[in-house]
Amino acid sequence: MRALVTVLAIVVIIGIIALATGFISLSGKGGQLPKVAVEGGRLPTVGADVGDIDLGTKNTTIEVPDVETKKKTVEVPTLSVEKAR
């Protein structure tokens, strides 16, 4: 599988180089879309019975964890950049 992908990649690269150097020249004529006429017809009708959704709030007592933060001095990496002269 790996060899197949490698060979395919080499073939694509060779093709790009051949086009870029002018070894291969591609030309073609402009195309044209077909003319399509639609007459008559009717959109389909779809019926759907759906349920009701009520969105609201209520007061409830729940257990919530108490999170505590502390300040601590730690060593962090720094980066300095100087402009080229």
Protein backbone atom coordinates (compact mmCIF):
# COMPACT_ATOMS: atom_id res chain seq x y z
CA MET A 1 0.00 0.00 0.00
CA ARG A 2 2.79 2.37 0.94
CA ALA A 3 4.65 1.61 -2.29
CA LEU A 4 1.53 2.28 -4.35
CA VAL A 5 1.03 5.69 -2.74
CA THR A 6 4.71 6.52 -3.31
CA VAL A 7 4.55 5.55 -6.99
CA LEU A 8 1.35 7.54 -7.43
CA ALA A 9 2.93 10.60 -5.79
CA ILE A 10 5.99 10.34 -8.08
CA VAL A 11 3.78 10.10 -11.17
CA VAL A 12 1.81 13.19 -10.09
CA ILE A 13 5.02 15.15 -9.45
CA ILE A 14 6.43 14.14 -12.86
CA GLY A 15 3.17 15.26 -14.50
CA ILE A 16 3.30 18.64 -12.75
CA ILE A 17 6.92 19.14 -13.80
CA ALA A 18 6.09 18.18 -17.40
CA LEU A 19 3.27 20.74 -17.50
CA ALA A 20 5.35 23.45 -15.82
CA THR A 21 8.29 23.06 -18.22
CA GLY A 22 6.11 22.97 -21.34
CA PHE A 23 6.95 19.34 -22.18
CA ILE A 24 3.22 18.68 -22.22
CA SER A 25 0.77 21.25 -23.53
CA LEU A 26 -2.92 20.83 -22.83
CA SER A 27 -5.55 22.63 -24.86
CA GLY A 28 -9.28 22.36 -25.15
CA LYS A 29 -12.43 24.05 -26.36
CA GLY A 30 -14.90 25.77 -24.09
CA GLY A 31 -17.88 23.70 -23.19
CA GLN A 32 -21.51 24.61 -22.90
CA LEU A 33 -24.15 23.48 -20.47
CA PRO A 34 -27.15 21.68 -21.92
CA LYS A 35 -30.39 23.60 -22.24
CA VAL A 36 -33.06 22.24 -19.96
CA ALA A 37 -36.71 23.27 -20.03
CA VAL A 38 -39.04 22.40 -17.18
CA GLU A 39 -42.77 22.66 -17.64
CA GLY A 40 -45.67 21.71 -15.43
CA GLY A 41 -45.22 19.60 -12.40
CA ARG A 42 -46.06 20.20 -8.78
CA LEU A 43 -44.10 20.27 -5.56
CA PRO A 44 -44.72 17.33 -3.27
CA THR A 45 -46.92 17.89 -0.25
CA VAL A 46 -45.73 16.63 3.09
CA GLY A 47 -47.77 16.43 6.26
CA ALA A 48 -46.20 15.99 9.68
CA ASP A 49 -47.68 15.61 13.16
CA VAL A 50 -45.24 16.83 15.78
CA GLY A 51 -45.34 16.98 19.53
CA ASP A 52 -45.23 20.09 21.71
CA ILE A 53 -42.08 21.18 23.50
CA ASP A 54 -42.25 23.41 26.56
CA LEU A 55 -39.10 25.12 27.75
CA GLY A 56 -38.96 26.63 31.21
CA THR A 57 -37.13 26.74 34.53
CA LYS A 58 -37.75 25.50 38.04
CA ASN A 59 -35.93 25.83 41.34
CA THR A 60 -34.28 22.63 42.56
CA THR A 61 -31.69 22.03 45.26
CA ILE A 62 -28.63 20.10 44.03
CA GLU A 63 -25.12 19.44 45.32
CA VAL A 64 -22.51 21.70 43.75
CA PRO A 65 -18.77 21.22 44.37
CA ASP A 66 -16.97 24.11 46.04
CA VAL A 67 -13.81 24.92 44.06
CA GLU A 68 -10.97 26.78 45.68
CA THR A 69 -8.02 28.44 43.95
CA LYS A 70 -4.61 29.27 45.39
CA LYS A 71 -1.77 31.46 44.16
CA LYS A 72 1.45 29.54 43.76
CA THR A 73 4.79 30.57 42.24
CA VAL A 74 5.93 28.25 39.46
CA GLU A 75 8.57 28.42 36.74
CA VAL A 76 7.11 28.97 33.26
CA PRO A 77 8.86 29.12 29.87
CA THR A 78 9.48 32.54 28.31
CA LEU A 79 10.19 33.68 24.77
CA SER A 80 11.85 36.86 23.61
CA VAL A 81 12.10 38.01 20.00
CA GLU A 82 14.44 40.66 18.64
CA LYS A 83 13.81 42.32 15.28
CA ALA A 84 16.36 41.75 12.52
CA ARG A 85 18.71 44.63 11.86
